[in-house]
Each structure stands twice: as structure tokens, then as C-alpha cells.
Amino acid sequence: MSCADAPALDPQRRAELTRRVRLLVAATITYNVVEAVIALAAGTIASSTALIGFGLDSVIEVASATAVAWQFSGRDPQARERLALKVIAVSFVALAGYVTVESARSLFGAEPAEHSTVGIVLAAVSLAVMPFLSAAQRRAGRELGSASAVADSKQTLLCTYLSGVLLVGLLLNSAFGWHWADPLAALVIAAVAVKEGREAWRGRHCC
């Protein structure tokens, strides 16, 4: 379904959905700021490129969610949607680029990471929280006919996948010393991020 095909909403329902999107975006920004601080600190202590990359991914997610927050802070969110989508698209590509570079570094000579209990707990919590934020925003965005809200929800979903990859990578590294597991899986996610970024740039995110 394209945004143009979204059913017409009465003003009261549209206002309700707009408020919901604002609250969900605010929650996403708040969580990702906390997540970024913890991940960057834990990654530095453990010399973990995966954890540091995860923290910087959270910064990118904040940029994407901030674009949607800016869009819905105006009287006519639809007028700001195109620019918000461009910001989200660039955020996807930035995420893919960083994940690719850090994955290559991890595979070809970066210092092996140490065990990080904080990192494992953070990844597990994010894996539990992010799917709910993503699903709630995606439902509201679809009903509202907002491609940017749906695109941002998909970036949050990608962050969920990264949380899962990070968790598996940290556990395998701690248990078996398998340093290659995390970067290989992250490269797959980077490819998906490029695809989602292209769709956001073209405004194809209401489905």
C-alpha cells in the first residue's frame, strides 16, 4: 500500500495518531540516547568494535527519529515529509557504511574484544524493547499514511536485528572466542539497510 492509498481519516483520529507518533518518537530518542552512552562506554572498556558500532548506530537512529519529530511538530506534517524521508534515507546509508567498515575491521585484524557483561545485558534489553516500539510506530504510520513514520519504524527494526547480532556475537566471543560471527552477520544487515535507504529516498515506505 502506498501513502496515497491510505484511507481518509477524520480530524480527531488524525490528531490522535499524530500524538501517538510523537510519543513513540520521543520514547525512541530517549532510549537510544541512553543506549548510545552505555554502548560506547562499554565498548571502549572492552575494546569491542561491535559495541562501539552499536552505540554509533544508536546515534544514527536518534538522527532519524529527530527528523520525524521535527516533521510532526509542525501544523502540516505532510508538507515536511519529503525532507524527513531524505534524512532517514541518509541515516540508513550511514548505518550501512559504518557497519560495513567496522565489520571489515573486525574480520581483518582489529584487536579481539574482551568479555563484556554490560554489553550482553544491553543487547538483550534492546532486543526485547525495540520490536514493540517499531511495531507500534509502524501501525500508527500506516494508518496515518506517513511514509516517514513507517521508514523510521523500519530503522528501529533494523536496530533490533543489530541487537540480536550483537548479542550472539558477544556470547560466541565470550564462550568460544569466535570473533568472526558478529561481523559476518552484521554485513547482511548492512545490505538490508542499503535497500531500506533506497526505498526511503523514493518514498516507498507505507507498506
Protein backbone atom coordinates (compact mmCIF):
# COMPACT_ATOMS: atom_id res chain seq x y z
CA MET A 1 0.00 0.00 0.00
CA SER A 2 1.33 3.42 -0.93
CA CYS A 3 0.86 6.52 1.19
CA ALA A 4 -1.51 7.89 -1.40
CA ASP A 5 -3.73 4.83 -0.95
CA ALA A 6 -4.11 5.33 2.81
CA PRO A 7 -7.78 5.76 3.81
CA ALA A 8 -9.03 9.25 4.68
CA LEU A 9 -9.12 9.95 8.42
CA ASP A 10 -11.37 12.24 10.37
CA PRO A 11 -9.53 15.14 12.09
CA GLN A 12 -9.93 13.66 15.57
CA ARG A 13 -8.40 10.32 14.59
CA ARG A 14 -5.58 12.04 12.68
CA ALA A 15 -4.78 14.20 15.71
CA GLU A 16 -4.77 11.11 17.96
CA LEU A 17 -2.39 9.23 15.64
CA THR A 18 -0.14 12.28 15.34
CA ARG A 19 0.16 12.48 19.13
CA ARG A 20 0.91 8.76 19.26
CA VAL A 21 3.70 9.07 16.71
CA ARG A 22 5.18 11.99 18.67
CA LEU A 23 5.19 9.96 21.89
CA LEU A 24 6.71 6.91 20.21
CA VAL A 25 9.41 9.00 18.56
CA ALA A 26 10.20 10.68 21.89
CA ALA A 27 10.50 7.26 23.54
CA THR A 28 12.76 6.04 20.73
CA ILE A 29 15.04 9.08 21.03
CA THR A 30 15.27 8.78 24.83
CA TYR A 31 16.04 5.07 24.75
CA ASN A 32 18.65 5.43 22.01
CA VAL A 33 20.48 8.24 23.81
CA VAL A 34 20.81 6.06 26.92
CA GLU A 35 21.73 3.06 24.76
CA ALA A 36 24.44 5.02 22.92
CA VAL A 37 26.09 6.24 26.13
CA ILE A 38 26.19 2.75 27.66
CA ALA A 39 27.33 1.00 24.47
CA LEU A 40 30.12 3.48 23.72
CA ALA A 41 31.42 3.32 27.30
CA ALA A 42 31.23 -0.50 27.48
CA GLY A 43 32.75 -0.86 24.01
CA THR A 44 35.69 1.35 24.91
CA ILE A 45 36.37 -0.60 28.11
CA ALA A 46 36.17 -3.99 26.33
CA SER A 47 37.90 -2.84 23.09
CA SER A 48 34.78 -4.06 21.27
CA THR A 49 34.28 -2.60 17.79
CA ALA A 50 30.86 -4.28 17.69
CA LEU A 51 29.72 -2.50 20.85
CA ILE A 52 31.13 0.84 19.73
CA GLY A 53 29.44 0.38 16.35
CA PHE A 54 26.19 -0.41 18.12
CA GLY A 55 26.49 2.80 20.12
CA LEU A 56 27.08 4.87 16.99
CA ASP A 57 24.13 3.13 15.34
CA SER A 58 22.03 4.43 18.24
CA VAL A 59 23.24 7.95 17.43
CA ILE A 60 22.15 7.47 13.82
CA GLU A 61 18.75 6.22 14.99
CA VAL A 62 18.39 9.37 17.11
CA ALA A 63 19.02 11.46 13.98
CA SER A 64 16.32 9.55 12.10
CA ALA A 65 13.78 9.81 14.91
CA THR A 66 14.57 13.50 15.36
CA ALA A 67 13.69 14.08 11.71
CA VAL A 68 10.27 12.52 12.28
CA ALA A 69 9.82 14.51 15.50
CA TRP A 70 10.58 17.70 13.55
CA GLN A 71 8.10 16.69 10.85
CA PHE A 72 5.25 16.11 13.32
CA SER A 73 5.99 19.24 15.33
CA GLY A 74 4.57 21.41 12.53
CA ARG A 75 0.97 22.20 11.75
CA ASP A 76 1.16 20.33 8.45
CA PRO A 77 3.36 17.22 8.88
CA GLN A 78 2.71 16.08 5.31
CA ALA A 79 4.41 19.20 3.96
CA ARG A 80 7.62 18.21 5.77
CA GLU A 81 7.51 14.50 4.92
CA ARG A 82 9.75 14.55 1.86
CA LEU A 83 12.65 16.20 3.69
CA ALA A 84 12.20 13.87 6.68
CA LEU A 85 12.37 10.87 4.34
CA LYS A 86 15.63 12.16 2.84
CA VAL A 87 17.18 12.44 6.31
CA ILE A 88 16.03 8.91 7.16
CA ALA A 89 17.42 7.58 3.86
CA VAL A 90 20.82 9.14 4.54
CA SER A 91 20.70 7.67 8.07
CA PHE A 92 20.16 4.18 6.62
CA VAL A 93 23.13 4.57 4.28
CA ALA A 94 25.31 5.95 7.09
CA LEU A 95 24.35 2.97 9.24
CA ALA A 96 25.19 0.53 6.43
CA GLY A 97 28.52 2.25 5.76
CA TYR A 98 29.62 2.22 9.37
CA VAL A 99 28.56 -1.39 9.95
CA THR A 100 30.44 -2.46 6.80
CA VAL A 101 33.66 -0.67 7.79
CA GLU A 102 33.58 -1.98 11.36
CA SER A 103 32.75 -5.50 10.19
CA ALA A 104 35.73 -5.44 7.82
CA ARG A 105 37.97 -4.20 10.63
CA SER A 106 36.76 -6.98 12.91
CA LEU A 107 37.36 -9.62 10.25
CA PHE A 108 40.77 -8.42 9.13
CA GLY A 109 42.91 -7.58 12.07
CA ALA A 110 41.14 -5.49 14.70
CA GLU A 111 42.06 -6.28 18.30
CA PRO A 112 39.84 -9.10 19.66
CA ALA A 113 37.22 -7.82 22.05
CA GLU A 114 37.15 -8.81 25.70
CA HIS A 115 34.11 -10.20 27.53
CA SER A 116 31.52 -7.52 28.33
CA THR A 117 28.69 -8.34 30.74
CA VAL A 118 27.29 -4.82 30.35
CA GLY A 119 27.25 -5.23 26.56
CA ILE A 120 25.44 -8.57 26.75
CA VAL A 121 22.77 -7.18 29.09
CA LEU A 122 22.33 -4.05 26.93
CA ALA A 123 21.92 -6.09 23.75
CA ALA A 124 19.36 -8.38 25.45
CA VAL A 125 17.31 -5.43 26.76
CA SER A 126 17.35 -3.71 23.35
CA LEU A 127 16.29 -6.94 21.68
CA ALA A 128 13.25 -7.01 23.98
CA VAL A 129 12.31 -3.30 23.79
CA MET A 130 12.91 -2.27 20.18
CA PRO A 131 10.38 -4.60 18.45
CA PHE A 132 7.50 -3.09 20.44
CA LEU A 133 8.50 0.49 19.62
CA SER A 134 8.94 -0.41 15.95
CA ALA A 135 5.61 -2.24 15.63
CA ALA A 136 3.61 0.48 17.40
CA GLN A 137 5.07 3.25 15.25
CA ARG A 138 4.65 1.24 12.06
CA ARG A 139 0.94 0.66 12.77
CA ALA A 140 0.34 4.33 13.53
CA GLY A 141 2.34 5.43 10.50
CA ARG A 142 0.45 3.14 8.15
CA GLU A 143 -2.94 4.31 9.37
CA LEU A 144 -1.80 7.91 9.20
CA GLY A 145 -0.37 7.40 5.70
CA SER A 146 3.05 8.69 6.77
CA ALA A 147 5.94 7.17 4.83
CA SER A 148 8.49 8.82 7.13
CA ALA A 149 6.97 7.34 10.30
CA VAL A 150 6.95 3.88 8.69
CA ALA A 151 10.53 4.32 7.44
CA ASP A 152 11.73 5.33 10.90
CA SER A 153 9.96 2.29 12.39
CA LYS A 154 11.86 0.10 9.94
CA GLN A 155 15.14 1.64 11.04
CA THR A 156 14.18 0.82 14.62
CA LEU A 157 13.51 -2.75 13.45
CA LEU A 158 16.96 -2.86 11.87
CA CYS A 159 18.35 -1.78 15.23
CA THR A 160 16.53 -4.78 16.69
CA TYR A 161 18.36 -7.05 14.25
CA LEU A 162 21.64 -5.38 15.18
CA SER A 163 20.85 -6.01 18.85
CA GLY A 164 20.38 -9.69 18.08
CA VAL A 165 23.58 -9.83 16.05
CA LEU A 166 25.48 -8.03 18.80
CA LEU A 167 24.12 -10.38 21.47
CA VAL A 168 25.03 -13.51 19.52
CA GLY A 169 28.45 -12.11 18.66
CA LEU A 170 29.25 -11.15 22.25
CA LEU A 171 28.08 -14.53 23.57
CA LEU A 172 30.03 -16.51 20.96
CA ASN A 173 33.09 -14.40 21.59
CA SER A 174 32.82 -14.91 25.34
CA ALA A 175 32.08 -18.64 25.17
CA PHE A 176 34.17 -19.86 22.21
CA GLY A 177 36.36 -16.96 21.06
CA TRP A 178 34.58 -16.83 17.67
CA HIS A 179 35.47 -13.27 16.66
CA TRP A 180 34.16 -13.64 13.09
CA ALA A 181 30.49 -14.48 13.86
CA ASP A 182 29.32 -10.95 14.66
CA PRO A 183 30.86 -9.08 11.68
CA LEU A 184 29.63 -11.62 9.13
CA ALA A 185 26.03 -11.34 10.31
CA ALA A 186 26.35 -7.54 10.51
CA LEU A 187 27.32 -7.40 6.82
CA VAL A 188 23.96 -8.96 5.93
CA ILE A 189 22.18 -6.28 7.96
CA ALA A 190 24.23 -3.59 6.19
CA ALA A 191 22.92 -4.84 2.85
CA VAL A 192 19.34 -4.68 4.15
CA ALA A 193 19.97 -1.13 5.40
CA VAL A 194 21.04 -0.02 1.92
CA LYS A 195 17.83 -1.47 0.46
CA GLU A 196 15.68 0.29 3.07
CA GLY A 197 17.56 3.54 2.48
CA ARG A 198 16.81 3.42 -1.24
CA GLU A 199 13.13 2.84 -0.55
CA ALA A 200 13.01 5.72 1.92
CA TRP A 201 14.66 8.04 -0.63
CA ARG A 202 11.99 7.09 -3.14
CA GLY A 203 9.18 7.39 -0.59
CA ARG A 204 8.18 3.72 -0.72
CA HIS A 205 7.62 3.01 2.94
CA CYS A 206 3.89 2.81 3.60
CA CYS A 207 3.69 -0.93 3.06
